[in-house]
Amino acid sequence: MSGSTGRPLGRRTFVVGAAAAGAALAGPLAGTAAAAGFGWSDDGSNYVVDTGAGLVLKVSKTNGDLTSLVYKGTEYQGYGGKNSHVESGLGTSTVTIAQSGSTILVSVAYGTLKHYYAARSGENNVYLWTDKADSSVTATRYIVRVKAGLFLNDEPDSYTYAPTVIESADVFEKSDGQTRAKHYSKLRVMDYSYIGWTTGGVSLWIVRSNHEKASGGPFYRSLLRHQSADGGGLYEILYYGENQTESERYGLQGPYVIALTDGGAPSSSLYPGTLTTSWADSLGISGYVAAGGRGRVAGVGITGRDTAYPYTVGLANSAAQYWGSARSSDGYFSIAGVLPGTYTLTVFKGELAVCTSSVTVSAGATTTLNTIAVPSSNDPGNATAIWRINNWDGTPGGFKNADLMTYAHPSDVRAASWTGNVVVGSGTETSAFPCYLWKDVNSGIVVYFKLTAAQAAAAHTLRIGVTTAYANGRPQVVVNDTWTSAVPSPPTQPSTRSLTVGSYRGNNHTFTYSVPASAWLTDTSAYNTLKIYVASGSGTTSYLSAGTSIDAIDLLT
């Protein structure tokens, strides 16, 4: 894709489906002999660290900002006069430096928050940890600020200097009608190990952490990178409140890694679940738990699966979160590097929770679970239906515009019309049904369907599954213009924007409606009509009116 105005920046490259994405860090990393030039100095304003392998970085002695990132003589730090830092900069901090063998550690203390930079002799990597103890610092992220003009741009969805602001000063529209925002990352946390840009001759990446102290689970989408006329930003989001389904977790996050290479991907030894940091065990990092203080959960298998879908197993409590993929052949899973504690274990079909239990993890031990059986009744897709639109997997995938919505605004010129009626049995009922419904855009969409005489003589249950909602939007239905459901109570959903910032992921919920036999048409040749409205007194107008994302709709026998 192309056509953005202004100076080009950045080509992004992803690794999708990182193995053991929720695993923590374990095992030894071979030490390196001190490289020529390895060491640190004090230039008065910054601590200057030279890895001896072509990378020189500077950390401000005043506030802990990364003020310089020079790789083989080229300065990469610098975006609109801003440094790289936690959040938007911490302010006056206590900054210290220490060397332990082949590792140099810069420690930053800002109130109750502590942040660390580690450099290793002979490596072109910067290892970072952030220990957030409370809410005195708001949403926590680290932003690597990259100078403009160093990388080409071939994936411009987050290009943020399109000419027209269309929403909240952070969603933009180009002259051709395509939309851009820093929110449009496309990827869920579990889908990538690193993010960055490359010229083919040099690459700059940020390798994410295991996100054990983050929130939102494996399917959460958040900022990964953005581009503007002033430069680009690469993000490690440690907590972000937008469309967030969980409370914030506190504690040490990391390491996450700024990695520079000569054009290739970062070493797979840096990926979440494979990175080994025994060299950091004795550095005195606040909240650090070494491999020996962690445990593992292994499951023999999962039965009752629908093998057409991937399954993920998640662990979560108020202190930490982890996840791992279940093997497609038998459902075996293994989640390593888990902090000791008792967790809720959730089995997801796609993104739909279909089974939960409790598991306790101990340091230095493996908790082995017998085969987990998913009850048939827990998967709504197992119910016998007269008709069904889309499949129950906890996502709007398959519906009209669903794929586009993770990287574009609903008003984008590339989106198909959000209106239009749907005919069950046409073969296009799923692709014709919009993934999102809004009170002010397409409320009242009509579904046409026929019933046999026997079906029309009986009451039936109508189900509508949703994945998230904005401004308490929820479906109210009218059958044949004669029977109207009550307005259902809104389920708990994130209170911030969601549908317009690339995220359909909220709290999956199924609405059920008991439709009496008297509501159906007795003429079997005629189409019954189901009108789905969005009920809510909240929201504003257009795509910020009350809305909801749809998972599946069916009428049960």
Protein backbone atom coordinates (compact mmCIF):
# COMPACT_ATOMS: atom_id res chain seq x y z
CA MET A 1 0.00 0.00 0.00
CA SER A 2 1.22 3.49 -0.70
CA GLY A 3 0.08 7.01 -1.33
CA SER A 4 0.92 8.65 2.01
CA THR A 5 2.13 12.20 1.87
CA GLY A 6 5.26 13.54 3.51
CA ARG A 7 8.60 11.86 3.97
CA PRO A 8 8.59 8.06 3.90
CA LEU A 9 9.59 6.11 6.96
CA GLY A 10 9.73 2.51 7.94
CA ARG A 11 9.08 -0.91 6.58
CA ARG A 12 7.74 -3.21 9.25
CA THR A 13 8.42 -6.91 9.56
CA PHE A 14 6.68 -9.30 11.93
CA VAL A 15 7.19 -12.79 13.22
CA VAL A 16 3.78 -14.40 13.52
CA GLY A 17 2.91 -17.19 15.95
CA ALA A 18 5.89 -16.94 18.27
CA ALA A 19 6.42 -20.22 20.10
CA ALA A 20 5.60 -20.31 23.80
CA ALA A 21 4.57 -16.67 23.69
CA GLY A 22 3.54 -16.62 27.34
CA ALA A 23 6.62 -18.37 28.66
CA ALA A 24 9.02 -16.53 30.95
CA LEU A 25 12.78 -16.59 30.92
CA ALA A 26 14.86 -19.56 31.92
CA GLY A 27 18.25 -21.13 31.52
CA PRO A 28 21.75 -19.78 30.91
CA LEU A 29 22.96 -17.47 28.17
CA ALA A 30 26.54 -18.02 27.21
CA GLY A 31 28.71 -15.15 28.40
CA THR A 32 30.85 -13.21 26.00
CA ALA A 33 34.43 -12.12 26.38
CA ALA A 34 34.75 -8.37 26.72
CA ALA A 35 34.70 -6.85 23.26
CA ALA A 36 37.23 -4.22 22.31
CA GLY A 37 35.85 -0.83 23.31
CA PHE A 38 33.28 -2.26 25.72
CA GLY A 39 32.67 0.03 28.68
CA TRP A 40 30.98 3.19 29.85
CA SER A 41 31.77 6.83 30.47
CA ASP A 42 30.10 9.99 31.78
CA ASP A 43 29.84 12.96 29.45
CA GLY A 44 28.34 15.18 32.16
CA SER A 45 24.72 14.89 30.99
CA ASN A 46 24.54 11.22 30.04
CA TYR A 47 25.96 7.83 30.80
CA VAL A 48 27.54 6.64 27.56
CA VAL A 49 27.65 2.87 27.02
CA ASP A 50 29.68 1.24 24.24
CA THR A 51 28.98 -2.47 23.64
CA GLY A 52 32.16 -2.82 21.61
CA ALA A 53 30.15 -4.23 18.69
CA GLY A 54 29.09 -1.06 16.90
CA LEU A 55 26.34 0.10 19.27
CA VAL A 56 26.73 3.16 21.50
CA LEU A 57 23.86 4.42 23.62
CA LYS A 58 23.39 7.35 25.94
CA VAL A 59 21.05 7.53 28.92
CA SER A 60 20.21 10.89 30.50
CA LYS A 61 21.48 11.26 34.05
CA THR A 62 18.55 13.58 34.73
CA ASN A 63 15.46 11.60 33.73
CA GLY A 64 16.56 8.20 32.38
CA ASP A 65 15.63 8.98 28.77
CA LEU A 66 17.51 7.19 26.01
CA THR A 67 19.03 10.25 24.33
CA SER A 68 21.19 8.57 21.69
CA LEU A 69 21.26 5.24 19.84
CA VAL A 70 24.17 5.09 17.43
CA TYR A 71 24.75 1.96 15.38
CA LYS A 72 27.90 1.79 13.27
CA GLY A 73 28.16 5.54 13.18
CA THR A 74 24.52 6.37 12.38
CA GLU A 75 22.25 8.02 14.93
CA TYR A 76 18.81 6.37 15.02
CA GLN A 77 17.36 8.05 18.12
CA GLY A 78 15.50 11.26 17.52
CA TYR A 79 11.87 11.93 16.60
CA GLY A 80 10.67 15.49 16.55
CA GLY A 81 13.18 16.45 19.21
CA LYS A 82 11.92 13.74 21.57
CA ASN A 83 13.94 11.06 23.32
CA SER A 84 13.08 7.39 23.78
CA HIS A 85 11.57 6.77 27.20
CA VAL A 86 8.99 5.21 29.49
CA GLU A 87 5.53 6.68 28.85
CA SER A 88 6.12 10.24 27.58
CA GLY A 89 9.15 10.75 29.79
CA LEU A 90 9.48 10.26 33.54
CA GLY A 91 10.78 13.61 34.71
CA THR A 92 13.57 14.13 37.22
CA SER A 93 14.83 10.73 38.35
CA THR A 94 17.71 9.11 40.19
CA VAL A 95 19.94 7.48 37.58
CA THR A 96 22.89 5.22 38.42
CA ILE A 97 25.22 2.93 36.47
CA ALA A 98 27.17 -0.20 37.40
CA GLN A 99 29.24 -2.79 35.57
CA SER A 100 29.20 -6.49 36.44
CA GLY A 101 31.59 -8.45 34.26
CA SER A 102 30.33 -8.30 30.68
CA THR A 103 27.09 -6.48 31.62
CA ILE A 104 26.50 -2.77 32.19
CA LEU A 105 23.27 -1.83 33.97
CA VAL A 106 21.75 1.66 34.08
CA SER A 107 19.09 1.98 36.79
CA VAL A 108 16.42 4.68 36.82
CA ALA A 109 14.22 5.42 39.86
CA TYR A 110 11.22 7.72 39.49
CA GLY A 111 9.10 7.64 42.63
CA THR A 112 7.87 4.07 42.99
CA LEU A 113 8.70 3.20 39.35
CA LYS A 114 12.04 1.65 38.48
CA HIS A 115 13.40 1.21 34.96
CA TYR A 116 16.55 -0.52 33.74
CA TYR A 117 18.78 -0.62 30.65
CA ALA A 118 21.31 -3.43 30.29
CA ALA A 119 24.01 -3.73 27.64
CA ARG A 120 26.18 -6.80 27.06
CA SER A 121 29.70 -6.85 25.71
CA GLY A 122 29.77 -7.71 22.01
CA GLU A 123 26.00 -7.46 21.50
CA ASN A 124 23.98 -4.90 19.55
CA ASN A 125 21.04 -5.23 21.93
CA VAL A 126 19.65 -3.10 24.73
CA TYR A 127 17.72 -5.09 27.36
CA LEU A 128 15.02 -3.18 29.23
CA TRP A 129 12.93 -3.85 32.33
CA THR A 130 10.23 -1.67 33.89
CA ASP A 131 8.98 -2.23 37.44
CA LYS A 132 5.74 -0.39 38.09
CA ALA A 133 4.55 -0.67 41.69
CA ASP A 134 1.32 1.36 41.59
CA SER A 135 -0.82 3.77 39.58
CA SER A 136 1.32 6.84 40.22
CA VAL A 137 2.41 6.55 36.58
CA THR A 138 -0.53 6.07 34.21
CA ALA A 139 -0.61 3.68 31.24
CA THR A 140 2.87 2.28 30.90
CA ARG A 141 4.76 1.90 27.65
CA TYR A 142 8.24 2.29 26.32
CA ILE A 143 8.62 4.26 23.08
CA VAL A 144 11.69 3.97 20.87
CA ARG A 145 11.76 7.27 18.94
CA VAL A 146 13.33 6.83 15.50
CA LYS A 147 14.59 9.60 13.24
CA ALA A 148 12.67 10.31 10.05
CA GLY A 149 14.03 9.31 6.68
CA LEU A 150 16.11 6.30 7.76
CA PHE A 151 13.68 3.60 6.63
CA LEU A 152 11.23 3.26 3.77
CA ASN A 153 7.54 2.82 4.44
CA ASP A 154 5.63 -0.02 2.76
CA GLU A 155 2.97 -0.69 5.43
CA PRO A 156 1.42 2.71 6.00
CA ASP A 157 -1.66 1.91 8.11
CA SER A 158 -0.21 3.75 11.10
CA TYR A 159 1.08 6.70 9.09
CA THR A 160 -0.21 9.53 11.29
CA TYR A 161 0.27 12.61 9.17
CA ALA A 162 -2.60 12.21 6.75
CA PRO A 163 -4.19 15.63 6.26
CA THR A 164 -7.63 15.31 7.88
CA VAL A 165 -8.37 14.47 11.51
CA ILE A 166 -11.60 12.48 11.68
CA GLU A 167 -11.65 11.25 15.29
CA SER A 168 -10.20 12.27 18.64
CA ALA A 169 -7.09 13.92 17.16
CA ASP A 170 -5.52 10.50 16.55
CA VAL A 171 -7.39 9.01 13.58
CA PHE A 172 -6.69 10.54 10.17
CA GLU A 173 -8.02 10.38 6.64
CA LYS A 174 -6.02 10.78 3.45
CA SER A 175 -7.32 12.55 0.38
CA ASP A 176 -8.13 9.18 -1.22
CA GLY A 177 -10.40 8.22 1.68
CA GLN A 178 -8.07 5.70 3.34
CA THR A 179 -7.66 6.07 7.08
CA ARG A 180 -4.59 5.98 9.30
CA ALA A 181 -3.97 5.79 13.05
CA LYS A 182 -1.26 4.69 15.42
CA HIS A 183 -3.79 2.20 16.83
CA TYR A 184 -3.99 0.09 13.68
CA SER A 185 -1.53 -2.69 14.47
CA LYS A 186 -3.45 -5.64 12.93
CA LEU A 187 -1.76 -8.07 15.31
CA ARG A 188 -2.74 -9.59 18.63
CA VAL A 189 -0.02 -9.93 21.27
CA MET A 190 0.31 -13.67 20.62
CA ASP A 191 0.85 -13.10 16.89
CA TYR A 192 4.27 -11.43 16.97
CA SER A 193 7.64 -11.62 18.68
CA TYR A 194 9.14 -8.41 17.35
CA ILE A 195 8.24 -5.27 15.45
CA GLY A 196 10.39 -2.81 13.54
CA TRP A 197 11.81 -1.57 10.29
CA THR A 198 14.54 -2.64 7.90
CA THR A 199 16.34 -1.28 4.89
CA GLY A 200 17.75 -4.68 4.05
CA GLY A 201 21.18 -3.46 5.15
CA VAL A 202 20.30 -2.42 8.68
CA SER A 203 17.30 -3.19 10.86
CA LEU A 204 15.94 -1.75 14.08
CA TRP A 205 13.59 -3.92 16.15
CA ILE A 206 11.89 -4.02 19.49
CA VAL A 207 11.43 -7.58 20.73
CA ARG A 208 8.51 -7.79 23.11
CA SER A 209 8.61 -9.23 26.61
CA ASN A 210 6.52 -12.19 27.74
CA HIS A 211 3.85 -9.72 28.96
CA GLU A 212 3.38 -11.59 32.22
CA LYS A 213 2.53 -8.36 34.04
CA ALA A 214 0.56 -6.84 31.17
CA SER A 215 -3.23 -7.11 30.88
CA GLY A 216 -5.72 -8.22 28.27
CA GLY A 217 -4.51 -11.73 27.53
CA PRO A 218 -3.14 -13.28 24.33
CA PHE A 219 -5.68 -11.67 22.00
CA TYR A 220 -5.18 -8.06 23.06
CA ARG A 221 -4.37 -5.50 20.37
CA SER A 222 -2.54 -2.30 21.13
CA LEU A 223 -0.06 0.19 19.71
CA LEU A 224 2.98 -1.40 18.07
CA ARG A 225 4.44 1.37 15.97
CA HIS A 226 3.48 4.65 14.39
CA GLN A 227 4.91 6.90 11.75
CA SER A 228 4.68 10.61 11.14
CA ALA A 229 6.50 13.39 9.34
CA ASP A 230 8.78 13.76 12.36
CA GLY A 231 9.84 10.13 12.62
CA GLY A 232 8.58 6.84 13.96
CA GLY A 233 7.83 5.16 17.24
CA LEU A 234 8.21 1.51 18.22
CA TYR A 235 6.23 0.49 21.29
CA GLU A 236 6.40 -2.04 24.06
CA ILE A 237 2.98 -1.61 25.65
CA LEU A 238 3.12 -2.74 29.26
CA TYR A 239 -0.34 -1.48 30.11
CA TYR A 240 -2.77 0.39 27.90
CA GLY A 241 -6.27 1.27 29.01
CA GLU A 242 -7.99 1.45 25.62
CA ASN A 243 -10.50 -1.39 25.15
CA GLN A 244 -8.90 -3.08 28.12
CA THR A 245 -10.71 -6.08 29.60
CA GLU A 246 -8.63 -6.49 32.76
CA SER A 247 -7.39 -4.46 35.68
CA GLU A 248 -3.80 -3.31 35.56
CA ARG A 249 -1.17 -5.66 36.94
CA TYR A 250 1.84 -4.30 38.78
CA GLY A 251 5.38 -5.60 39.01
CA LEU A 252 8.44 -6.13 36.86
CA GLN A 253 7.96 -6.31 33.09
CA GLY A 254 10.73 -7.55 30.89
CA PRO A 255 13.16 -7.92 29.53
CA TYR A 256 12.11 -6.47 26.23
CA VAL A 257 14.90 -5.73 23.79
CA ILE A 258 15.95 -3.01 21.36
CA ALA A 259 17.88 -4.98 18.76
CA LEU A 260 19.90 -3.69 15.82
CA THR A 261 21.05 -6.02 13.04
CA ASP A 262 22.74 -5.82 9.67
CA GLY A 263 19.41 -6.24 7.88
CA GLY A 264 18.16 -9.54 9.26
CA ALA A 265 15.60 -10.44 11.86
CA PRO A 266 16.63 -10.26 15.51
CA SER A 267 18.11 -13.46 16.85
CA SER A 268 15.43 -15.99 17.77
CA SER A 269 17.25 -16.40 21.09
CA LEU A 270 15.74 -13.03 22.06
CA TYR A 271 12.12 -14.05 21.44
CA PRO A 272 9.64 -14.35 24.33
CA GLY A 273 9.90 -17.83 25.77
CA THR A 274 13.40 -18.46 24.41
CA LEU A 275 15.39 -15.54 25.83
CA THR A 276 17.72 -16.67 28.61
CA THR A 277 19.01 -14.17 31.14
CA SER A 278 20.86 -16.00 33.88
CA TRP A 279 23.43 -13.23 33.53
CA ALA A 280 20.81 -10.85 34.99
CA ASP A 281 20.06 -12.99 38.06
CA SER A 282 22.55 -11.15 40.29
CA LEU A 283 22.09 -7.61 38.97
CA GLY A 284 19.69 -6.55 41.73
CA ILE A 285 16.78 -5.69 39.44
CA SER A 286 13.69 -4.91 41.50
CA GLY A 287 11.07 -7.65 41.32
CA TYR A 288 13.28 -9.99 39.28
CA VAL A 289 12.46 -13.70 39.59
CA ALA A 290 15.05 -16.10 38.18
CA ALA A 291 14.24 -19.34 36.38
CA GLY A 292 14.56 -21.39 39.55
CA GLY A 293 11.76 -19.40 41.14
CA ARG A 294 9.29 -20.24 38.39
CA GLY A 295 7.22 -23.28 37.47
CA ARG A 296 5.51 -24.91 34.51
CA VAL A 297 2.05 -26.18 33.58
CA ALA A 298 1.71 -29.08 31.12
CA GLY A 299 -1.55 -30.53 29.86
CA VAL A 300 -1.84 -34.06 28.49
CA GLY A 301 -4.47 -32.95 26.00
CA ILE A 302 -7.90 -31.43 25.39
CA THR A 303 -10.92 -33.42 24.24
CA GLY A 304 -14.21 -32.05 22.95
CA ARG A 305 -12.40 -29.69 20.59
CA ASP A 306 -13.69 -28.56 17.21
CA THR A 307 -10.59 -29.34 15.17
CA ALA A 308 -11.46 -26.68 12.61
CA TYR A 309 -10.25 -24.08 15.10
CA PRO A 310 -7.00 -23.33 16.93
CA TYR A 311 -7.13 -23.64 20.71
CA THR A 312 -5.21 -21.52 23.20
CA VAL A 313 -4.76 -22.12 26.91
CA GLY A 314 -4.43 -19.09 29.15
CA LEU A 315 -3.41 -18.68 32.78
CA ALA A 316 -4.37 -15.55 34.67
CA ASN A 317 -4.67 -14.15 38.16
CA SER A 318 -4.43 -10.64 39.56
CA ALA A 319 -0.61 -10.78 39.51
CA ALA A 320 0.32 -12.38 36.18
CA GLN A 321 -0.84 -13.83 32.86
CA TYR A 322 0.54 -16.49 30.48
CA TRP A 323 -0.65 -18.49 27.50
CA GLY A 324 0.31 -21.21 25.09
CA SER A 325 -1.08 -22.89 21.98
CA ALA A 326 -2.68 -26.32 22.23
CA ARG A 327 -1.31 -28.89 19.77
CA SER A 328 -3.76 -29.40 16.92
CA SER A 329 -3.50 -33.19 16.96
CA ASP A 330 -4.44 -33.80 20.60
CA GLY A 331 -4.59 -30.52 22.51
CA TYR A 332 -1.31 -31.00 24.40
CA PHE A 333 0.07 -27.74 25.82
CA SER A 334 2.98 -26.53 27.90
CA ILE A 335 3.39 -23.14 29.56
CA ALA A 336 6.77 -22.52 31.20
CA GLY A 337 8.32 -19.76 33.28
CA VAL A 338 5.20 -19.18 35.40
CA LEU A 339 5.41 -17.31 38.69
CA PRO A 340 4.18 -19.38 41.66
CA GLY A 341 0.50 -18.98 42.49
CA THR A 342 -3.01 -20.17 41.77
CA TYR A 343 -4.38 -19.28 38.35
CA THR A 344 -7.62 -19.53 36.41
CA LEU A 345 -6.93 -21.77 33.45
CA THR A 346 -9.06 -20.96 30.40
CA VAL A 347 -9.37 -22.97 27.22
CA PHE A 348 -10.20 -20.81 24.19
CA LYS A 349 -11.72 -22.04 20.93
CA GLY A 350 -10.43 -19.33 18.65
CA GLU A 351 -10.99 -16.44 21.06
CA LEU A 352 -14.07 -17.88 22.76
CA ALA A 353 -13.67 -19.24 26.29
CA VAL A 354 -15.17 -22.73 26.39
CA CYS A 355 -13.73 -24.18 29.60
CA THR A 356 -12.24 -22.88 32.85
CA SER A 357 -10.60 -24.49 35.85
CA SER A 358 -8.04 -23.72 38.53
CA VAL A 359 -4.37 -24.67 38.62
CA THR A 360 -1.63 -24.06 41.18
CA VAL A 361 1.99 -23.53 40.15
CA SER A 362 5.00 -24.04 42.42
CA ALA A 363 8.56 -22.81 41.97
CA GLY A 364 10.87 -25.31 40.32
CA ALA A 365 8.07 -27.79 39.59
CA THR A 366 5.82 -28.89 36.73
CA THR A 367 2.10 -29.10 37.36
CA THR A 368 0.85 -31.87 35.07
CA LEU A 369 -2.83 -31.85 34.19
CA ASN A 370 -4.84 -34.82 33.00
CA THR A 371 -6.79 -34.51 29.79
CA ILE A 372 -9.17 -31.53 29.90
CA ALA A 373 -12.64 -32.35 28.58
CA VAL A 374 -14.55 -29.40 27.13
CA PRO A 375 -18.25 -30.00 27.88
CA SER A 376 -20.29 -30.04 24.68
CA SER A 377 -22.73 -27.53 26.15
CA ASN A 378 -19.90 -25.03 26.70
CA ASP A 379 -19.38 -24.58 22.96
CA PRO A 380 -22.40 -22.74 21.49
CA GLY A 381 -21.45 -24.08 18.08
CA ASN A 382 -22.52 -27.56 19.18
CA ALA A 383 -26.18 -26.59 19.60
CA THR A 384 -28.52 -27.71 16.82
CA ALA A 385 -29.78 -24.67 14.92
CA ILE A 386 -32.51 -24.05 12.37
CA TRP A 387 -30.11 -21.56 10.85
CA ARG A 388 -26.84 -19.96 11.86
CA ILE A 389 -24.97 -16.93 10.55
CA ASN A 390 -21.21 -17.22 11.08
CA ASN A 391 -19.42 -19.59 13.45
CA TRP A 392 -18.97 -19.28 17.19
CA ASP A 393 -15.29 -18.55 17.77
CA GLY A 394 -15.29 -15.32 19.77
CA THR A 395 -14.43 -13.10 16.79
CA PRO A 396 -16.36 -11.33 14.01
CA GLY A 397 -14.14 -13.02 11.42
CA GLY A 398 -16.11 -13.92 8.29
CA PHE A 399 -18.57 -11.06 8.59
CA LYS A 400 -18.50 -8.12 6.18
CA ASN A 401 -15.54 -5.77 6.78
CA ALA A 402 -14.17 -7.87 9.65
CA ASP A 403 -10.64 -8.23 8.28
CA LEU A 404 -10.32 -4.53 7.45
CA MET A 405 -11.37 -3.36 10.90
CA THR A 406 -8.10 -4.27 12.62
CA TYR A 407 -6.23 -1.73 10.51
CA ALA A 408 -8.74 0.88 9.35
CA HIS A 409 -11.50 3.16 10.60
CA PRO A 410 -15.07 2.07 9.78
CA SER A 411 -15.44 5.14 7.54
CA ASP A 412 -12.52 4.01 5.36
CA VAL A 413 -13.20 4.05 1.63
CA ARG A 414 -12.12 0.41 1.45
CA ALA A 415 -15.02 -0.69 3.66
CA ALA A 416 -18.11 -2.17 2.02
CA SER A 417 -21.45 -0.59 2.88
CA TRP A 418 -22.41 -1.12 6.50
CA THR A 419 -26.06 -1.48 5.52
CA GLY A 420 -27.86 -4.08 3.44
CA ASN A 421 -30.25 -6.90 4.20
CA VAL A 422 -29.33 -10.55 4.72
CA VAL A 423 -31.10 -13.65 3.40
CA VAL A 424 -30.55 -16.94 5.24
CA GLY A 425 -29.89 -19.75 2.76
CA SER A 426 -28.47 -17.45 0.09
CA GLY A 427 -24.93 -18.67 0.71
CA THR A 428 -23.84 -15.09 1.37
CA GLU A 429 -25.59 -14.51 4.68
CA THR A 430 -22.31 -14.33 6.62
CA SER A 431 -20.32 -12.21 4.18
CA ALA A 432 -23.31 -9.87 3.77
CA PHE A 433 -23.83 -9.31 7.49
CA PRO A 434 -21.73 -6.42 8.89
CA CYS A 435 -19.25 -7.27 11.63
CA TYR A 436 -20.26 -4.17 13.62
CA LEU A 437 -23.64 -2.57 14.34
CA TRP A 438 -24.10 1.05 15.47
CA LYS A 439 -27.18 2.87 16.64
CA ASP A 440 -26.54 5.77 14.27
CA VAL A 441 -25.18 3.84 11.26
CA ASN A 442 -26.91 0.52 10.55
CA SER A 443 -29.27 -0.24 13.42
CA GLY A 444 -32.32 -2.17 12.21
CA ILE A 445 -30.55 -4.45 9.76
CA VAL A 446 -32.98 -7.09 8.47
CA VAL A 447 -32.43 -10.85 8.30
CA TYR A 448 -34.87 -12.81 6.10
CA PHE A 449 -35.51 -16.52 6.69
CA LYS A 450 -38.13 -19.21 6.10
CA LEU A 451 -39.51 -21.79 8.51
CA THR A 452 -41.23 -25.10 7.95
CA ALA A 453 -44.74 -25.58 9.30
CA ALA A 454 -43.41 -27.55 12.24
CA GLN A 455 -40.80 -24.91 13.03
CA ALA A 456 -43.35 -22.11 12.79
CA ALA A 457 -45.59 -23.92 15.26
CA ALA A 458 -43.03 -23.82 18.06
CA ALA A 459 -41.26 -21.26 20.21
CA HIS A 460 -37.54 -20.92 19.59
CA THR A 461 -34.48 -19.38 21.19
CA LEU A 462 -32.60 -16.73 19.22
CA ARG A 463 -28.96 -16.15 20.18
CA ILE A 464 -26.74 -13.22 19.30
CA GLY A 465 -23.10 -13.43 20.39
CA VAL A 466 -21.06 -10.25 20.74
CA THR A 467 -17.33 -9.74 21.27
CA THR A 468 -17.33 -6.19 22.63
CA ALA A 469 -19.50 -3.11 22.78
CA TYR A 470 -19.06 0.64 22.76
CA ALA A 471 -21.19 2.91 24.97
CA ASN A 472 -23.29 -0.04 26.20
CA GLY A 473 -24.57 -0.89 22.74
CA ARG A 474 -26.53 -4.16 22.78
CA PRO A 475 -29.01 -5.82 20.43
CA GLN A 476 -32.78 -5.55 20.70
CA VAL A 477 -34.77 -7.59 18.17
CA VAL A 478 -38.12 -7.33 16.40
CA VAL A 479 -39.67 -10.37 14.67
CA ASN A 480 -42.09 -9.82 11.77
CA ASP A 481 -42.83 -6.32 13.06
CA THR A 482 -45.16 -7.85 15.67
CA TRP A 483 -42.97 -9.19 18.47
CA THR A 484 -40.33 -7.02 20.16
CA SER A 485 -37.87 -8.26 22.73
CA ALA A 486 -37.15 -6.47 25.95
CA VAL A 487 -34.02 -4.34 25.98
CA PRO A 488 -31.37 -6.60 27.54
CA SER A 489 -29.09 -5.42 30.30
CA PRO A 490 -25.63 -4.45 29.08
CA PRO A 491 -22.83 -6.88 29.97
CA THR A 492 -19.58 -5.58 31.37
CA GLN A 493 -17.46 -4.21 28.53
CA PRO A 494 -14.52 -1.79 28.22
CA SER A 495 -15.62 1.82 28.57
CA THR A 496 -13.22 3.30 26.01
CA ARG A 497 -13.18 3.33 22.23
CA SER A 498 -12.88 -0.05 20.56
CA LEU A 499 -14.61 -0.47 17.20
CA THR A 500 -12.95 2.60 15.68
CA VAL A 501 -9.41 1.90 16.88
CA GLY A 502 -8.82 -1.53 15.42
CA SER A 503 -10.09 -3.75 18.25
CA TYR A 504 -13.13 -6.00 18.49
CA ARG A 505 -11.80 -7.82 21.55
CA GLY A 506 -13.83 -7.26 24.71
CA ASN A 507 -15.81 -9.62 26.92
CA ASN A 508 -17.60 -12.21 24.82
CA HIS A 509 -21.28 -12.40 25.73
CA THR A 510 -24.31 -14.24 24.37
CA PHE A 511 -27.73 -12.59 24.34
CA THR A 512 -30.69 -14.99 24.24
CA TYR A 513 -34.26 -14.18 23.25
CA SER A 514 -37.21 -16.52 23.77
CA VAL A 515 -39.40 -15.94 20.71
CA PRO A 516 -42.96 -17.32 21.06
CA ALA A 517 -44.60 -19.40 18.32
CA SER A 518 -47.12 -16.61 17.78
CA ALA A 519 -44.36 -14.41 16.36
CA TRP A 520 -43.71 -16.64 13.32
CA LEU A 521 -45.44 -16.51 9.95
CA THR A 522 -47.56 -19.56 9.24
CA ASP A 523 -47.12 -19.20 5.48
CA THR A 524 -44.08 -21.41 4.84
CA SER A 525 -43.44 -19.77 1.46
CA ALA A 526 -43.05 -16.34 3.04
CA TYR A 527 -39.91 -14.91 4.58
CA ASN A 528 -39.91 -14.12 8.28
CA THR A 529 -38.04 -10.96 9.19
CA LEU A 530 -35.66 -10.40 12.07
CA LYS A 531 -34.69 -6.78 12.65
CA ILE A 532 -31.70 -6.17 14.91
CA TYR A 533 -31.48 -2.76 16.54
CA VAL A 534 -28.79 -1.28 18.77
CA ALA A 535 -30.20 -0.14 22.09
CA SER A 536 -28.40 2.39 24.28
CA GLY A 537 -28.76 5.93 25.46
CA SER A 538 -25.01 6.47 25.43
CA GLY A 539 -22.54 7.34 22.69
CA THR A 540 -22.63 10.28 20.34
CA THR A 541 -23.13 10.07 16.58
CA SER A 542 -22.03 8.04 13.59
CA TYR A 543 -19.27 5.53 14.39
CA LEU A 544 -19.03 6.82 17.96
CA SER A 545 -22.69 6.10 18.61
CA ALA A 546 -23.45 3.03 20.71
CA GLY A 547 -22.27 -0.07 18.89
CA THR A 548 -21.34 -3.70 19.17
CA SER A 549 -19.23 -6.33 17.41
CA ILE A 550 -20.97 -9.58 16.42
CA ASP A 551 -19.63 -13.12 16.84
CA ALA A 552 -22.53 -15.26 15.54
CA ILE A 553 -26.33 -15.32 15.29
CA ASP A 554 -28.52 -18.41 15.28
CA LEU A 555 -32.04 -19.68 15.80
CA LEU A 556 -32.14 -22.91 17.79
CA THR A 557 -34.47 -25.85 17.36
